[in-house]
Amino acid sequence: MANYAIVTDGVVANVMVSDTQLDTSWVLCTEGVSVGWEYDGTNFSPPYRKHRNNLLKETDFYALSDVTMSYEMTAYRQALRDLPDQEGYPDNISWPTKPS
């Protein structure tokens, strides 16, 4: 048995388990991929990743060499990177609060 996904505009629209090869509109995927996951043409990723990456991008300017990043901002950015290590991940994510 293998897992297959139908992907529409880079997002998984349906998942099926089959013991036969499906037509080329279905993409072979790993167990655990579900509706709403993202697909970049090569890799599947859970939907939280795009949101997390956007939050990191919003604070990237703090990481420039001519900006002093506060301890709070450093901790926030590290907490975003550590999301996969949280207990209950990926079903229950505690998002860190962005410092002011």
PDB file of N, CA and C in Angstrom:
ATOM      1  N   MET A   1       0.838  -1.181   0.000  1.00  0.00           N
ATOM      2  CA  MET A   1       0.000   0.000   0.000  1.00  0.00           C
ATOM      3  C   MET A   1       0.886   1.249   0.000  1.00  0.00           C
ATOM      4  N   ALA A   2       0.440   2.251  -0.729  1.00  0.00           N
ATOM      5  CA  ALA A   2       1.173   3.512  -0.807  1.00  0.00           C
ATOM      6  C   ALA A   2       0.183   4.665  -0.647  1.00  0.00           C
ATOM      7  N   ASN A   3       0.695   5.788  -0.204  1.00  0.00           N
ATOM      8  CA  ASN A   3      -0.121   6.995  -0.016  1.00  0.00           C
ATOM      9  C   ASN A   3       0.074   7.923  -1.203  1.00  0.00           C
ATOM     10  N   TYR A   4      -1.035   8.496  -1.677  1.00  0.00           N
ATOM     11  CA  TYR A   4      -1.010   9.412  -2.809  1.00  0.00           C
ATOM     12  C   TYR A   4      -1.817  10.657  -2.457  1.00  0.00           C
ATOM     13  N   ALA A   5      -1.416  11.779  -3.037  1.00  0.00           N
ATOM     14  CA  ALA A   5      -2.115  13.039  -2.798  1.00  0.00           C
ATOM     15  C   ALA A   5      -2.459  13.711  -4.117  1.00  0.00           C
ATOM     16  N   ILE A   6      -3.604  14.364  -4.142  1.00  0.00           N
ATOM     17  CA  ILE A   6      -3.959  15.264  -5.243  1.00  0.00           C
ATOM     18  C   ILE A   6      -3.588  16.659  -4.768  1.00  0.00           C
ATOM     19  N   VAL A   7      -2.809  17.380  -5.553  1.00  0.00           N
ATOM     20  CA  VAL A   7      -2.337  18.708  -5.176  1.00  0.00           C
ATOM     21  C   VAL A   7      -2.931  19.739  -6.127  1.00  0.00           C
ATOM     22  N   THR A   8      -3.522  20.785  -5.548  1.00  0.00           N
ATOM     23  CA  THR A   8      -4.089  21.877  -6.335  1.00  0.00           C
ATOM     24  C   THR A   8      -3.467  23.182  -5.858  1.00  0.00           C
ATOM     25  N   ASP A   9      -2.813  23.894  -6.750  1.00  0.00           N
ATOM     26  CA  ASP A   9      -2.168  25.166  -6.420  1.00  0.00           C
ATOM     27  C   ASP A   9      -1.226  25.045  -5.219  1.00  0.00           C
ATOM     28  N   GLY A  10      -0.477  23.945  -5.163  1.00  0.00           N
ATOM     29  CA  GLY A  10       0.524  23.758  -4.123  1.00  0.00           C
ATOM     30  C   GLY A  10      -0.012  23.286  -2.783  1.00  0.00           C
ATOM     31  N   VAL A  11      -1.311  22.943  -2.722  1.00  0.00           N
ATOM     32  CA  VAL A  11      -1.914  22.500  -1.465  1.00  0.00           C
ATOM     33  C   VAL A  11      -2.596  21.148  -1.687  1.00  0.00           C
ATOM     34  N   VAL A  12      -2.417  20.231  -0.734  1.00  0.00           N
ATOM     35  CA  VAL A  12      -3.032  18.908  -0.831  1.00  0.00           C
ATOM     36  C   VAL A  12      -4.550  19.045  -0.705  1.00  0.00           C
ATOM     37  N   ALA A  13      -5.267  18.553  -1.726  1.00  0.00           N
ATOM     38  CA  ALA A  13      -6.728  18.627  -1.747  1.00  0.00           C
ATOM     39  C   ALA A  13      -7.370  17.298  -1.345  1.00  0.00           C
ATOM     40  N   ASN A  14      -6.640  16.195  -1.521  1.00  0.00           N
ATOM     41  CA  ASN A  14      -7.175  14.883  -1.170  1.00  0.00           C
ATOM     42  C   ASN A  14      -6.016  13.915  -1.010  1.00  0.00           C
ATOM     43  N   VAL A  15      -6.216  12.882  -0.189  1.00  0.00           N
ATOM     44  CA  VAL A  15      -5.203  11.855   0.038  1.00  0.00           C
ATOM     45  C   VAL A  15      -5.879  10.499  -0.085  1.00  0.00           C
ATOM     46  N   MET A  16      -5.165   9.535  -0.677  1.00  0.00           N
ATOM     47  CA  MET A  16      -5.712   8.195  -0.854  1.00  0.00           C
ATOM     48  C   MET A  16      -4.615   7.167  -0.604  1.00  0.00           C
ATOM     49  N   VAL A  17      -4.998   6.036  -0.029  1.00  0.00           N
ATOM     50  CA  VAL A  17      -4.093   4.899   0.128  1.00  0.00           C
ATOM     51  C   VAL A  17      -4.516   3.867  -0.905  1.00  0.00           C
ATOM     52  N   SER A  18      -3.563   3.368  -1.684  1.00  0.00           N
ATOM     53  CA  SER A  18      -3.884   2.423  -2.750  1.00  0.00           C
ATOM     54  C   SER A  18      -2.780   1.389  -2.879  1.00  0.00           C
ATOM     55  N   ASP A  19      -3.172   0.192  -3.279  1.00  0.00           N
ATOM     56  CA  ASP A  19      -2.169  -0.848  -3.518  1.00  0.00           C
ATOM     57  C   ASP A  19      -1.801  -0.942  -4.996  1.00  0.00           C
ATOM     58  N   THR A  20      -2.402  -0.066  -5.819  1.00  0.00           N
ATOM     59  CA  THR A  20      -2.045  -0.018  -7.236  1.00  0.00           C
ATOM     60  C   THR A  20      -1.584   1.389  -7.605  1.00  0.00           C
ATOM     61  N   GLN A  21      -0.777   1.485  -8.629  1.00  0.00           N
ATOM     62  CA  GLN A  21      -0.283   2.775  -9.107  1.00  0.00           C
ATOM     63  C   GLN A  21      -1.446   3.603  -9.634  1.00  0.00           C
ATOM     64  N   LEU A  22      -1.598   4.830  -9.132  1.00  0.00           N
ATOM     65  CA  LEU A  22      -2.647   5.725  -9.598  1.00  0.00           C
ATOM     66  C   LEU A  22      -2.145   6.522 -10.796  1.00  0.00           C
ATOM     67  N   ASP A  23      -3.050   7.204 -11.481  1.00  0.00           N
ATOM     68  CA  ASP A  23      -2.619   7.984 -12.645  1.00  0.00           C
ATOM     69  C   ASP A  23      -1.706   9.135 -12.209  1.00  0.00           C
ATOM     70  N   THR A  24      -1.135   9.801 -13.172  1.00  0.00           N
ATOM     71  CA  THR A  24      -0.097  10.797 -12.904  1.00  0.00           C
ATOM     72  C   THR A  24      -0.600  12.056 -12.206  1.00  0.00           C
ATOM     73  N   SER A  25      -1.922  12.219 -12.068  1.00  0.00           N
ATOM     74  CA  SER A  25      -2.426  13.383 -11.336  1.00  0.00           C
ATOM     75  C   SER A  25      -2.238  13.209  -9.823  1.00  0.00           C
ATOM     76  N   TRP A  26      -1.993  11.983  -9.379  1.00  0.00           N
ATOM     77  CA  TRP A  26      -1.758  11.694  -7.965  1.00  0.00           C
ATOM     78  C   TRP A  26      -0.256  11.680  -7.704  1.00  0.00           C
ATOM     79  N   VAL A  27       0.165  12.288  -6.598  1.00  0.00           N
ATOM     80  CA  VAL A  27       1.586  12.363  -6.241  1.00  0.00           C
ATOM     81  C   VAL A  27       1.840  11.423  -5.073  1.00  0.00           C
ATOM     82  N   LEU A  28       2.860  10.576  -5.197  1.00  0.00           N
ATOM     83  CA  LEU A  28       3.237   9.684  -4.114  1.00  0.00           C
ATOM     84  C   LEU A  28       3.667  10.518  -2.907  1.00  0.00           C
ATOM     85  N   CYS A  29       3.152  10.184  -1.724  1.00  0.00           N
ATOM     86  CA  CYS A  29       3.508  10.934  -0.514  1.00  0.00           C
ATOM     87  C   CYS A  29       3.713   9.978   0.653  1.00  0.00           C
ATOM     88  N   THR A  30       4.239  10.493   1.736  1.00  0.00           N
ATOM     89  CA  THR A  30       4.466   9.680   2.922  1.00  0.00           C
ATOM     90  C   THR A  30       3.214   9.631   3.788  1.00  0.00           C
ATOM     91  N   GLU A  31       3.162   8.650   4.657  1.00  0.00           N
ATOM     92  CA  GLU A  31       2.066   8.556   5.611  1.00  0.00           C
ATOM     93  C   GLU A  31       2.102   9.794   6.510  1.00  0.00           C
ATOM     94  N   GLY A  32       0.963  10.322   6.821  1.00  0.00           N
ATOM     95  CA  GLY A  32       0.891  11.512   7.661  1.00  0.00           C
ATOM     96  C   GLY A  32       0.537  12.766   6.894  1.00  0.00           C
ATOM     97  N   VAL A  33       0.818  12.779   5.593  1.00  0.00           N
ATOM     98  CA  VAL A  33       0.418  13.925   4.766  1.00  0.00           C
ATOM     99  C   VAL A  33      -1.098  13.942   4.722  1.00  0.00           C
ATOM    100  N   SER A  34      -1.678  15.119   4.908  1.00  0.00           N
ATOM    101  CA  SER A  34      -3.136  15.215   4.893  1.00  0.00           C
ATOM    102  C   SER A  34      -3.583  16.477   4.165  1.00  0.00           C
ATOM    103  N   VAL A  35      -4.894  16.591   4.002  1.00  0.00           N
ATOM    104  CA  VAL A  35      -5.478  17.739   3.312  1.00  0.00           C
ATOM    105  C   VAL A  35      -5.006  19.019   3.990  1.00  0.00           C
ATOM    106  N   GLY A  36      -4.613  19.985   3.180  1.00  0.00           N
ATOM    107  CA  GLY A  36      -4.132  21.265   3.694  1.00  0.00           C
ATOM    108  C   GLY A  36      -2.616  21.377   3.732  1.00  0.00           C
ATOM    109  N   TRP A  37      -1.908  20.253   3.648  1.00  0.00           N
ATOM    110  CA  TRP A  37      -0.445  20.317   3.612  1.00  0.00           C
ATOM    111  C   TRP A  37      -0.006  21.010   2.335  1.00  0.00           C
ATOM    112  N   GLU A  38       1.193  21.557   2.353  1.00  0.00           N
ATOM    113  CA  GLU A  38       1.743  22.257   1.198  1.00  0.00           C
ATOM    114  C   GLU A  38       2.688  21.333   0.441  1.00  0.00           C
ATOM    115  N   TYR A  39       2.769  21.543  -0.877  1.00  0.00           N
ATOM    116  CA  TYR A  39       3.655  20.756  -1.730  1.00  0.00           C
ATOM    117  C   TYR A  39       4.350  21.696  -2.700  1.00  0.00           C
ATOM    118  N   ASP A  40       5.679  21.680  -2.695  1.00  0.00           N
ATOM    119  CA  ASP A  40       6.450  22.601  -3.543  1.00  0.00           C
ATOM    120  C   ASP A  40       6.913  21.975  -4.848  1.00  0.00           C
ATOM    121  N   GLY A  41       6.381  20.804  -5.169  1.00  0.00           N
ATOM    122  CA  GLY A  41       6.803  20.086  -6.366  1.00  0.00           C
ATOM    123  C   GLY A  41       7.795  18.992  -6.058  1.00  0.00           C
ATOM    124  N   THR A  42       8.373  19.031  -4.854  1.00  0.00           N
ATOM    125  CA  THR A  42       9.323  18.021  -4.415  1.00  0.00           C
ATOM    126  C   THR A  42       8.993  17.502  -3.022  1.00  0.00           C
ATOM    127  N   ASN A  43       8.699  18.424  -2.101  1.00  0.00           N
ATOM    128  CA  ASN A  43       8.498  18.067  -0.691  1.00  0.00           C
ATOM    129  C   ASN A  43       7.135  18.505  -0.179  1.00  0.00           C
ATOM    130  N   PHE A  44       6.594  17.696   0.738  1.00  0.00           N
ATOM    131  CA  PHE A  44       5.367  18.041   1.442  1.00  0.00           C
ATOM    132  C   PHE A  44       5.749  18.653   2.783  1.00  0.00           C
ATOM    133  N   SER A  45       4.987  19.642   3.236  1.00  0.00           N
ATOM    134  CA  SER A  45       5.236  20.235   4.545  1.00  0.00           C
ATOM    135  C   SER A  45       3.908  20.582   5.198  1.00  0.00           C
ATOM    136  N   PRO A  46       3.860  20.472   6.537  1.00  0.00           N
ATOM    137  CA  PRO A  46       2.617  20.800   7.234  1.00  0.00           C
ATOM    138  C   PRO A  46       2.270  22.273   7.052  1.00  0.00           C
ATOM    139  N   PRO A  47       0.992  22.620   7.147  1.00  0.00           N
ATOM    140  CA  PRO A  47       0.577  23.990   6.852  1.00  0.00           C
ATOM    141  C   PRO A  47       1.121  25.035   7.817  1.00  0.00           C
ATOM    142  N   TYR A  48       1.518  24.644   9.016  1.00  0.00           N
ATOM    143  CA  TYR A  48       2.049  25.624   9.961  1.00  0.00           C
ATOM    144  C   TYR A  48       3.350  26.247   9.453  1.00  0.00           C
ATOM    145  N   ARG A  49       4.114  25.499   8.667  1.00  0.00           N
ATOM    146  CA  ARG A  49       5.461  25.938   8.269  1.00  0.00           C
ATOM    147  C   ARG A  49       5.439  27.276   7.532  1.00  0.00           C
ATOM    148  N   LYS A  50       4.481  27.461   6.637  1.00  0.00           N
ATOM    149  CA  LYS A  50       4.403  28.709   5.884  1.00  0.00           C
ATOM    150  C   LYS A  50       4.124  29.873   6.832  1.00  0.00           C
ATOM    151  N   HIS A  51       3.219  29.666   7.782  1.00  0.00           N
ATOM    152  CA  HIS A  51       2.905  30.714   8.759  1.00  0.00           C
ATOM    153  C   HIS A  51       4.140  31.037   9.610  1.00  0.00           C
ATOM    154  N   ARG A  52       4.810  29.999  10.079  1.00  0.00           N
ATOM    155  CA  ARG A  52       6.014  30.203  10.891  1.00  0.00           C
ATOM    156  C   ARG A  52       7.081  30.949  10.103  1.00  0.00           C
ATOM    157  N   ASN A  53       7.296  30.550   8.861  1.00  0.00           N
ATOM    158  CA  ASN A  53       8.304  31.213   8.038  1.00  0.00           C
ATOM    159  C   ASN A  53       7.957  32.678   7.799  1.00  0.00           C
ATOM    160  N   ASN A  54       6.674  32.979   7.629  1.00  0.00           N
ATOM    161  CA  ASN A  54       6.264  34.378   7.470  1.00  0.00           C
ATOM    162  C   ASN A  54       6.537  35.180   8.736  1.00  0.00           C
ATOM    163  N   LEU A  55       6.294  34.586   9.900  1.00  0.00           N
ATOM    164  CA  LEU A  55       6.591  35.279  11.161  1.00  0.00           C
ATOM    165  C   LEU A  55       8.089  35.542  11.302  1.00  0.00           C
ATOM    166  N   LEU A  56       8.898  34.584  10.894  1.00  0.00           N
ATOM    167  CA  LEU A  56      10.352  34.797  10.936  1.00  0.00           C
ATOM    168  C   LEU A  56      10.770  35.896   9.956  1.00  0.00           C
ATOM    169  N   LYS A  57      10.188  35.901   8.762  1.00  0.00           N
ATOM    170  CA  LYS A  57      10.532  36.932   7.770  1.00  0.00           C
ATOM    171  C   LYS A  57      10.183  38.329   8.275  1.00  0.00           C
ATOM    172  N   GLU A  58       9.070  38.432   9.012  1.00  0.00           N
ATOM    173  CA  GLU A  58       8.660  39.732   9.554  1.00  0.00           C
ATOM    174  C   GLU A  58       9.701  40.310  10.504  1.00  0.00           C
ATOM    175  N   THR A  59      10.529  39.451  11.091  1.00  0.00           N
ATOM    176  CA  THR A  59      11.520  39.916  12.068  1.00  0.00           C
ATOM    177  C   THR A  59      12.954  39.744  11.574  1.00  0.00           C
ATOM    178  N   ASP A  60      13.138  39.400  10.312  1.00  0.00           N
ATOM    179  CA  ASP A  60      14.491  39.194   9.775  1.00  0.00           C
ATOM    180  C   ASP A  60      15.370  40.434   9.888  1.00  0.00           C
ATOM    181  N   PHE A  61      14.771  41.613   9.788  1.00  0.00           N
ATOM    182  CA  PHE A  61      15.599  42.825   9.820  1.00  0.00           C
ATOM    183  C   PHE A  61      16.320  42.980  11.159  1.00  0.00           C
ATOM    184  N   TYR A  62      15.803  42.350  12.223  1.00  0.00           N
ATOM    185  CA  TYR A  62      16.494  42.392  13.515  1.00  0.00           C
ATOM    186  C   TYR A  62      17.812  41.623  13.472  1.00  0.00           C
ATOM    187  N   ALA A  63      17.942  40.730  12.509  1.00  0.00           N
ATOM    188  CA  ALA A  63      19.148  39.908  12.406  1.00  0.00           C
ATOM    189  C   ALA A  63      20.235  40.553  11.552  1.00  0.00           C
ATOM    190  N   LEU A  64      19.996  41.756  11.034  1.00  0.00           N
ATOM    191  CA  LEU A  64      21.004  42.443  10.238  1.00  0.00           C
ATOM    192  C   LEU A  64      22.169  42.888  11.116  1.00  0.00           C
ATOM    193  N   SER A  65      23.327  43.005  10.531  1.00  0.00           N
ATOM    194  CA  SER A  65      24.528  43.307  11.309  1.00  0.00           C
ATOM    195  C   SER A  65      24.502  44.697  11.943  1.00  0.00           C
ATOM    196  N   ASP A  66      23.721  45.629  11.406  1.00  0.00           N
ATOM    197  CA  ASP A  66      23.711  46.984  11.968  1.00  0.00           C
ATOM    198  C   ASP A  66      22.514  47.222  12.909  1.00  0.00           C
ATOM    199  N   VAL A  67      21.838  46.142  13.324  1.00  0.00           N
ATOM    200  CA  VAL A  67      20.698  46.236  14.242  1.00  0.00           C
ATOM    201  C   VAL A  67      21.011  45.382  15.462  1.00  0.00           C
ATOM    202  N   THR A  68      20.751  45.913  16.640  1.00  0.00           N
ATOM    203  CA  THR A  68      20.944  45.144  17.866  1.00  0.00           C
ATOM    204  C   THR A  68      19.634  44.444  18.212  1.00  0.00           C
ATOM    205  N   MET A  69      19.651  43.111  18.211  1.00  0.00           N
ATOM    206  CA  MET A  69      18.458  42.339  18.506  1.00  0.00           C
ATOM    207  C   MET A  69      18.336  42.157  20.011  1.00  0.00           C
ATOM    208  N   SER A  70      17.156  42.446  20.544  1.00  0.00           N
ATOM    209  CA  SER A  70      16.930  42.290  21.979  1.00  0.00           C
ATOM    210  C   SER A  70      16.902  40.805  22.348  1.00  0.00           C
ATOM    211  N   TYR A  71      17.103  40.547  23.614  1.00  0.00           N
ATOM    212  CA  TYR A  71      17.021  39.171  24.112  1.00  0.00           C
ATOM    213  C   TYR A  71      15.633  38.597  23.818  1.00  0.00           C
ATOM    214  N   GLU A  72      14.586  39.410  24.024  1.00  0.00           N
ATOM    215  CA  GLU A  72      13.216  38.951  23.816  1.00  0.00           C
ATOM    216  C   GLU A  72      12.976  38.549  22.359  1.00  0.00           C
ATOM    217  N   MET A  73      13.506  39.358  21.419  1.00  0.00           N
ATOM    218  CA  MET A  73      13.336  39.035  20.004  1.00  0.00           C
ATOM    219  C   MET A  73      14.129  37.793  19.637  1.00  0.00           C
ATOM    220  N   THR A  74      15.322  37.649  20.188  1.00  0.00           N
ATOM    221  CA  THR A  74      16.123  36.450  19.948  1.00  0.00           C
ATOM    222  C   THR A  74      15.380  35.220  20.439  1.00  0.00           C
ATOM    223  N   ALA A  75      14.792  35.304  21.639  1.00  0.00           N
ATOM    224  CA  ALA A  75      14.045  34.177  22.211  1.00  0.00           C
ATOM    225  C   ALA A  75      12.803  33.855  21.377  1.00  0.00           C
ATOM    226  N   TYR A  76      12.123  34.888  20.900  1.00  0.00           N
ATOM    227  CA  TYR A  76      10.931  34.701  20.066  1.00  0.00           C
ATOM    228  C   TYR A  76      11.287  33.962  18.775  1.00  0.00           C
ATOM    229  N   ARG A  77      12.327  34.434  18.106  1.00  0.00           N
ATOM    230  CA  ARG A  77      12.737  33.802  16.849  1.00  0.00           C
ATOM    231  C   ARG A  77      13.190  32.361  17.078  1.00  0.00           C
ATOM    232  N   GLN A  78      13.873  32.113  18.189  1.00  0.00           N
ATOM    233  CA  GLN A  78      14.295  30.736  18.491  1.00  0.00           C
ATOM    234  C   GLN A  78      13.077  29.867  18.785  1.00  0.00           C
ATOM    235  N   ALA A  79      12.098  30.411  19.498  1.00  0.00           N
ATOM    236  CA  ALA A  79      10.882  29.650  19.798  1.00  0.00           C
ATOM    237  C   ALA A  79      10.145  29.272  18.508  1.00  0.00           C
ATOM    238  N   LEU A  80      10.128  30.160  17.520  1.00  0.00           N
ATOM    239  CA  LEU A  80       9.519  29.836  16.235  1.00  0.00           C
ATOM    240  C   LEU A  80      10.259  28.685  15.553  1.00  0.00           C
ATOM    241  N   ARG A  81      11.586  28.721  15.609  1.00  0.00           N
ATOM    242  CA  ARG A  81      12.371  27.646  14.988  1.00  0.00           C
ATOM    243  C   ARG A  81      12.213  26.321  15.741  1.00  0.00           C
ATOM    244  N   ASP A  82      11.902  26.398  17.043  1.00  0.00           N
ATOM    245  CA  ASP A  82      11.781  25.191  17.868  1.00  0.00           C
ATOM    246  C   ASP A  82      10.375  24.596  17.889  1.00  0.00           C
ATOM    247  N   LEU A  83       9.435  25.153  17.137  1.00  0.00           N
ATOM    248  CA  LEU A  83       8.066  24.640  17.153  1.00  0.00           C
ATOM    249  C   LEU A  83       7.981  23.122  16.973  1.00  0.00           C
ATOM    250  N   PRO A  84       8.735  22.516  16.058  1.00  0.00           N
ATOM    251  CA  PRO A  84       8.626  21.060  15.886  1.00  0.00           C
ATOM    252  C   PRO A  84       9.052  20.258  17.112  1.00  0.00           C
ATOM    253  N   ASP A  85       9.755  20.870  18.049  1.00  0.00           N
ATOM    254  CA  ASP A  85      10.196  20.161  19.255  1.00  0.00           C
ATOM    255  C   ASP A  85       9.163  20.206  20.376  1.00  0.00           C
ATOM    256  N   GLN A  86       8.074  20.965  20.184  1.00  0.00           N
ATOM    257  CA  GLN A  86       7.061  21.079  21.231  1.00  0.00           C
ATOM    258  C   GLN A  86       6.327  19.757  21.438  1.00  0.00           C
ATOM    259  N   GLU A  87       5.944  19.501  22.687  1.00  0.00           N
ATOM    260  CA  GLU A  87       5.103  18.351  22.984  1.00  0.00           C
ATOM    261  C   GLU A  87       3.736  18.588  22.333  1.00  0.00           C
ATOM    262  N   GLY A  88       3.216  17.581  21.670  1.00  0.00           N
ATOM    263  CA  GLY A  88       1.930  17.695  21.007  1.00  0.00           C
ATOM    264  C   GLY A  88       2.005  18.141  19.557  1.00  0.00           C
ATOM    265  N   TYR A  89       3.208  18.495  19.102  1.00  0.00           N
ATOM    266  CA  TYR A  89       3.391  18.915  17.714  1.00  0.00           C
ATOM    267  C   TYR A  89       3.048  17.761  16.785  1.00  0.00           C
ATOM    268  N   PRO A  90       2.430  17.938  15.659  1.00  0.00           N
ATOM    269  CA  PRO A  90       1.953  19.174  15.060  1.00  0.00           C
ATOM    270  C   PRO A  90       0.478  19.469  15.350  1.00  0.00           C
ATOM    271  N   ASP A  91      -0.168  18.589  16.117  1.00  0.00           N
ATOM    272  CA  ASP A  91      -1.600  18.757  16.343  1.00  0.00           C
ATOM    273  C   ASP A  91      -1.939  19.881  17.312  1.00  0.00           C
ATOM    274  N   ASN A  92      -1.028  20.181  18.217  1.00  0.00           N
ATOM    275  CA  ASN A  92      -1.283  21.208  19.222  1.00  0.00           C
ATOM    276  C   ASN A  92      -0.038  22.089  19.337  1.00  0.00           C
ATOM    277  N   ILE A  93      -0.065  23.237  18.674  1.00  0.00           N
ATOM    278  CA  ILE A  93       1.089  24.144  18.653  1.00  0.00           C
ATOM    279  C   ILE A  93       0.801  25.351  19.527  1.00  0.00           C
ATOM    280  N   SER A  94       1.728  25.669  20.426  1.00  0.00           N
ATOM    281  CA  SER A  94       1.649  26.889  21.226  1.00  0.00           C
ATOM    282  C   SER A  94       2.541  27.922  20.554  1.00  0.00           C
ATOM    283  N   TRP A  95       1.909  28.888  19.862  1.00  0.00           N
ATOM    284  CA  TRP A  95       2.669  29.902  19.149  1.00  0.00           C
ATOM    285  C   TRP A  95       3.234  30.913  20.134  1.00  0.00           C
ATOM    286  N   PRO A  96       4.511  31.276  19.991  1.00  0.00           N
ATOM    287  CA  PRO A  96       5.099  32.275  20.881  1.00  0.00           C
ATOM    288  C   PRO A  96       4.523  33.652  20.573  1.00  0.00           C
ATOM    289  N   THR A  97       4.557  34.514  21.568  1.00  0.00           N
ATOM    290  CA  THR A  97       4.061  35.886  21.414  1.00  0.00           C
ATOM    291  C   THR A  97       5.204  36.788  20.978  1.00  0.00           C
ATOM    292  N   LYS A  98       4.952  37.550  19.922  1.00  0.00           N
ATOM    293  CA  LYS A  98       5.965  38.471  19.405  1.00  0.00           C
ATOM    294  C   LYS A  98       6.156  39.620  20.396  1.00  0.00           C
ATOM    295  N   PRO A  99       7.405  39.891  20.771  1.00  0.00           N
ATOM    296  CA  PRO A  99       7.643  41.015  21.682  1.00  0.00           C
ATOM    297  C   PRO A  99       7.388  42.365  21.005  1.00  0.00           C
ATOM    298  N   SER A 100       7.069  43.364  21.815  1.00  0.00           N
ATOM    299  CA  SER A 100       6.809  44.697  21.227  1.00  0.00           C
ATOM    300  C   SER A 100       8.091  45.427  20.928  1.00  0.00           C
TER     301      SER A 100
END
